[in-house]
């Protein structure tokens, strides 16, 4: 059974977060799951996750949500330090 989920994030930093996640999104699927990151507009980031089984699905969801969280934290850190273009 294939398990799928889509997550949509609304943030003014969507393009920056998407840029940091693109290498993960563009890599070839390995194992039992895959995910991709898409920018819908300047304020909307979408993540789609697919997995062959529930265990792989849970792991992939945790990984992608954590990657989004880390990317957002890094954007905020660089903004505070004045080292980003936004």
N, C-alpha and C. Protein backbone atom coordinates (compact mmCIF):
# COMPACT_ATOMS: atom_id res chain seq x y z
N UNK A 1 0.84 -1.18 0.00
CA UNK A 1 0.00 0.00 0.00
C UNK A 1 0.89 1.24 0.00
N UNK A 2 0.59 2.18 -0.87
CA UNK A 2 1.34 3.44 -0.93
C UNK A 2 0.70 4.45 0.01
N UNK A 3 1.52 5.12 0.80
CA UNK A 3 1.08 6.16 1.71
C UNK A 3 1.57 7.49 1.17
N UNK A 4 0.71 8.51 1.20
CA UNK A 4 1.06 9.83 0.67
C UNK A 4 0.59 10.92 1.61
N UNK A 5 1.34 12.02 1.62
CA UNK A 5 0.94 13.20 2.39
C UNK A 5 1.44 14.44 1.69
N UNK A 6 0.69 15.51 1.84
CA UNK A 6 1.10 16.82 1.33
C UNK A 6 1.02 17.81 2.48
N UNK A 7 2.03 18.64 2.58
CA UNK A 7 2.08 19.69 3.60
C UNK A 7 2.27 21.02 2.89
N UNK A 8 1.54 22.03 3.32
CA UNK A 8 1.65 23.36 2.72
C UNK A 8 1.99 24.34 3.84
N UNK A 9 3.03 25.14 3.59
CA UNK A 9 3.50 26.12 4.56
C UNK A 9 3.38 27.51 3.95
N UNK A 10 2.79 28.42 4.68
CA UNK A 10 2.68 29.80 4.23
C UNK A 10 3.66 30.65 5.04
N UNK A 11 4.64 31.22 4.35
CA UNK A 11 5.66 32.03 5.00
C UNK A 11 6.29 32.97 3.98
N UNK A 12 6.65 34.17 4.39
CA UNK A 12 7.33 35.06 3.44
C UNK A 12 8.71 34.53 3.04
N UNK A 13 9.21 33.55 3.77
CA UNK A 13 10.53 32.97 3.49
C UNK A 13 10.44 31.71 2.64
N UNK A 14 9.28 31.44 2.04
CA UNK A 14 9.09 30.22 1.25
C UNK A 14 10.18 30.02 0.19
N UNK A 15 10.55 31.06 -0.59
CA UNK A 15 11.60 30.84 -1.61
C UNK A 15 12.95 30.45 -1.01
N UNK A 16 13.32 31.04 0.11
CA UNK A 16 14.59 30.71 0.75
C UNK A 16 14.58 29.29 1.31
N UNK A 17 13.49 28.92 1.93
CA UNK A 17 13.37 27.57 2.49
C UNK A 17 13.38 26.55 1.36
N UNK A 18 12.63 26.83 0.30
CA UNK A 18 12.59 25.91 -0.84
C UNK A 18 13.98 25.74 -1.45
N UNK A 19 14.72 26.83 -1.57
CA UNK A 19 16.07 26.75 -2.15
C UNK A 19 16.97 25.85 -1.31
N UNK A 20 16.80 25.89 0.00
CA UNK A 20 17.65 25.05 0.86
C UNK A 20 17.23 23.58 0.82
N UNK A 21 15.96 23.31 0.49
CA UNK A 21 15.47 21.94 0.45
C UNK A 21 15.57 21.30 -0.94
N UNK A 22 15.79 22.09 -1.96
CA UNK A 22 15.82 21.56 -3.33
C UNK A 22 16.83 20.43 -3.54
N UNK A 23 18.04 20.49 -2.99
CA UNK A 23 18.95 19.35 -3.19
C UNK A 23 18.36 18.02 -2.71
N UNK A 24 17.64 18.05 -1.60
CA UNK A 24 16.98 16.83 -1.11
C UNK A 24 15.87 16.40 -2.06
N UNK A 25 15.14 17.38 -2.55
CA UNK A 25 14.01 17.11 -3.43
C UNK A 25 14.45 16.57 -4.79
N UNK A 26 15.59 17.05 -5.28
CA UNK A 26 16.05 16.68 -6.61
C UNK A 26 16.86 15.39 -6.64
N UNK A 27 17.24 14.87 -5.48
CA UNK A 27 18.01 13.63 -5.46
C UNK A 27 17.11 12.44 -5.83
N UNK A 28 17.73 11.41 -6.35
CA UNK A 28 16.99 10.22 -6.74
C UNK A 28 16.38 9.55 -5.51
N UNK A 29 15.17 9.03 -5.63
CA UNK A 29 14.58 8.32 -4.49
C UNK A 29 15.43 7.10 -4.12
N UNK A 30 15.66 6.96 -2.85
CA UNK A 30 16.38 5.79 -2.36
C UNK A 30 15.52 5.12 -1.30
N UNK A 31 15.61 3.85 -1.22
CA UNK A 31 14.83 3.15 -0.20
C UNK A 31 13.36 3.09 -0.55
N UNK A 32 12.55 3.19 0.48
CA UNK A 32 11.12 2.96 0.32
C UNK A 32 10.28 4.22 0.31
N UNK A 33 10.93 5.40 0.30
CA UNK A 33 10.17 6.65 0.33
C UNK A 33 10.81 7.69 -0.57
N UNK A 34 10.02 8.70 -0.90
CA UNK A 34 10.56 9.84 -1.64
C UNK A 34 9.76 11.08 -1.25
N UNK A 35 10.38 12.20 -1.41
CA UNK A 35 9.73 13.47 -1.10
C UNK A 35 10.16 14.52 -2.09
N UNK A 36 9.31 15.51 -2.25
CA UNK A 36 9.69 16.62 -3.11
C UNK A 36 9.15 17.92 -2.55
N UNK A 37 9.88 18.96 -2.88
CA UNK A 37 9.58 20.30 -2.40
C UNK A 37 9.23 21.16 -3.60
N UNK A 38 8.17 21.94 -3.48
CA UNK A 38 7.75 22.83 -4.56
C UNK A 38 7.40 24.20 -4.00
N UNK A 39 7.72 25.22 -4.75
CA UNK A 39 7.32 26.57 -4.39
C UNK A 39 6.09 26.91 -5.22
N UNK A 40 4.99 27.22 -4.57
CA UNK A 40 3.75 27.52 -5.29
C UNK A 40 3.66 28.99 -5.66
N UNK A 41 4.09 29.85 -4.75
CA UNK A 41 4.18 31.28 -5.01
C UNK A 41 5.15 31.86 -3.99
N UNK A 42 5.28 33.17 -3.94
CA UNK A 42 6.27 33.79 -3.05
C UNK A 42 6.03 33.52 -1.58
N UNK A 43 4.85 33.06 -1.24
CA UNK A 43 4.50 32.85 0.17
C UNK A 43 4.16 31.39 0.50
N UNK A 44 4.22 30.49 -0.47
CA UNK A 44 3.72 29.13 -0.24
C UNK A 44 4.73 28.07 -0.65
N UNK A 45 5.06 27.22 0.30
CA UNK A 45 5.95 26.08 0.09
C UNK A 45 5.13 24.81 0.27
N UNK A 46 5.27 23.87 -0.65
CA UNK A 46 4.55 22.60 -0.55
C UNK A 46 5.55 21.45 -0.52
N UNK A 47 5.27 20.47 0.32
CA UNK A 47 6.08 19.26 0.44
C UNK A 47 5.16 18.07 0.17
N UNK A 48 5.58 17.18 -0.71
CA UNK A 48 4.83 15.95 -0.97
C UNK A 48 5.71 14.76 -0.62
N UNK A 49 5.14 13.81 0.10
CA UNK A 49 5.88 12.64 0.57
C UNK A 49 5.11 11.39 0.17
N UNK A 50 5.86 10.40 -0.28
CA UNK A 50 5.30 9.09 -0.67
C UNK A 50 6.16 7.99 -0.09
N UNK A 51 5.52 6.92 0.36
CA UNK A 51 6.28 5.78 0.88
C UNK A 51 5.53 4.49 0.64
N UNK A 52 6.31 3.42 0.55
CA UNK A 52 5.75 2.10 0.28
C UNK A 52 5.08 1.47 1.49
N UNK A 53 5.56 1.80 2.68
CA UNK A 53 4.99 1.21 3.89
C UNK A 53 4.92 2.26 4.99
N UNK A 54 4.18 1.95 6.02
CA UNK A 54 3.90 2.91 7.08
C UNK A 54 5.16 3.32 7.85
N UNK A 55 6.06 2.41 8.08
CA UNK A 55 7.30 2.73 8.80
C UNK A 55 8.14 3.72 8.01
N UNK A 56 8.31 3.47 6.73
CA UNK A 56 9.07 4.38 5.87
C UNK A 56 8.35 5.72 5.75
N UNK A 57 7.02 5.69 5.71
CA UNK A 57 6.24 6.92 5.63
C UNK A 57 6.46 7.80 6.85
N UNK A 58 6.37 7.20 8.03
CA UNK A 58 6.58 7.95 9.27
C UNK A 58 7.97 8.57 9.30
N UNK A 59 8.97 7.79 8.92
CA UNK A 59 10.34 8.30 8.91
C UNK A 59 10.51 9.44 7.91
N UNK A 60 9.92 9.31 6.74
CA UNK A 60 10.03 10.35 5.72
C UNK A 60 9.31 11.63 6.16
N UNK A 61 8.13 11.49 6.74
CA UNK A 61 7.41 12.67 7.23
C UNK A 61 8.23 13.38 8.30
N UNK A 62 8.75 12.62 9.25
CA UNK A 62 9.58 13.22 10.30
C UNK A 62 10.79 13.94 9.71
N UNK A 63 11.45 13.32 8.74
CA UNK A 63 12.63 13.91 8.11
C UNK A 63 12.29 15.21 7.41
N UNK A 64 11.27 15.19 6.55
CA UNK A 64 10.93 16.39 5.78
C UNK A 64 10.44 17.53 6.68
N UNK A 65 9.63 17.22 7.68
CA UNK A 65 9.16 18.28 8.57
C UNK A 65 10.32 18.87 9.38
N UNK A 66 11.24 18.02 9.78
CA UNK A 66 12.43 18.51 10.49
C UNK A 66 13.29 19.37 9.57
N UNK A 67 13.46 18.98 8.31
CA UNK A 67 14.23 19.78 7.37
C UNK A 67 13.61 21.16 7.18
N UNK A 68 12.29 21.22 7.09
CA UNK A 68 11.61 22.52 6.96
C UNK A 68 11.86 23.36 8.21
N UNK A 69 11.75 22.74 9.37
CA UNK A 69 11.96 23.46 10.62
C UNK A 69 13.39 24.00 10.70
N UNK A 70 14.37 23.20 10.37
CA UNK A 70 15.76 23.63 10.41
C UNK A 70 16.00 24.76 9.42
N UNK A 71 15.47 24.63 8.22
CA UNK A 71 15.65 25.68 7.21
C UNK A 71 15.04 27.00 7.68
N UNK A 72 13.86 26.95 8.26
CA UNK A 72 13.21 28.16 8.78
C UNK A 72 14.05 28.78 9.91
N UNK A 73 14.56 27.94 10.81
CA UNK A 73 15.40 28.45 11.89
C UNK A 73 16.66 29.11 11.34
N UNK A 74 17.25 28.53 10.31
CA UNK A 74 18.47 29.10 9.72
C UNK A 74 18.18 30.43 9.02
N UNK A 75 17.04 30.53 8.35
CA UNK A 75 16.66 31.80 7.72
C UNK A 75 16.51 32.88 8.79
N UNK A 76 15.83 32.55 9.88
CA UNK A 76 15.65 33.53 10.96
C UNK A 76 16.98 33.92 11.59
N UNK A 77 17.87 32.95 11.77
CA UNK A 77 19.19 33.24 12.34
C UNK A 77 19.99 34.16 11.44
N UNK A 78 19.98 33.89 10.14
CA UNK A 78 20.75 34.74 9.22
C UNK A 78 20.12 36.12 9.09
N UNK A 79 18.81 36.23 9.21
CA UNK A 79 18.18 37.55 9.19
C UNK A 79 18.63 38.37 10.39
N UNK A 80 18.66 37.73 11.56
CA UNK A 80 19.10 38.43 12.77
C UNK A 80 20.55 38.87 12.66
N UNK A 81 21.36 38.04 12.02
CA UNK A 81 22.78 38.36 11.86
C UNK A 81 23.02 39.31 10.70
N UNK A 82 21.99 39.56 9.90
CA UNK A 82 22.13 40.46 8.76
C UNK A 82 22.91 39.86 7.60
N UNK A 83 22.84 38.54 7.44
CA UNK A 83 23.63 37.89 6.39
C UNK A 83 22.76 37.28 5.30
N UNK A 84 21.53 37.74 5.16
CA UNK A 84 20.66 37.25 4.09
C UNK A 84 20.16 38.42 3.26
N UNK A 85 19.72 38.14 2.06
CA UNK A 85 19.24 39.19 1.17
C UNK A 85 17.83 39.64 1.48
N UNK A 86 17.10 38.93 2.30
CA UNK A 86 15.69 39.26 2.59
C UNK A 86 15.56 40.00 3.89
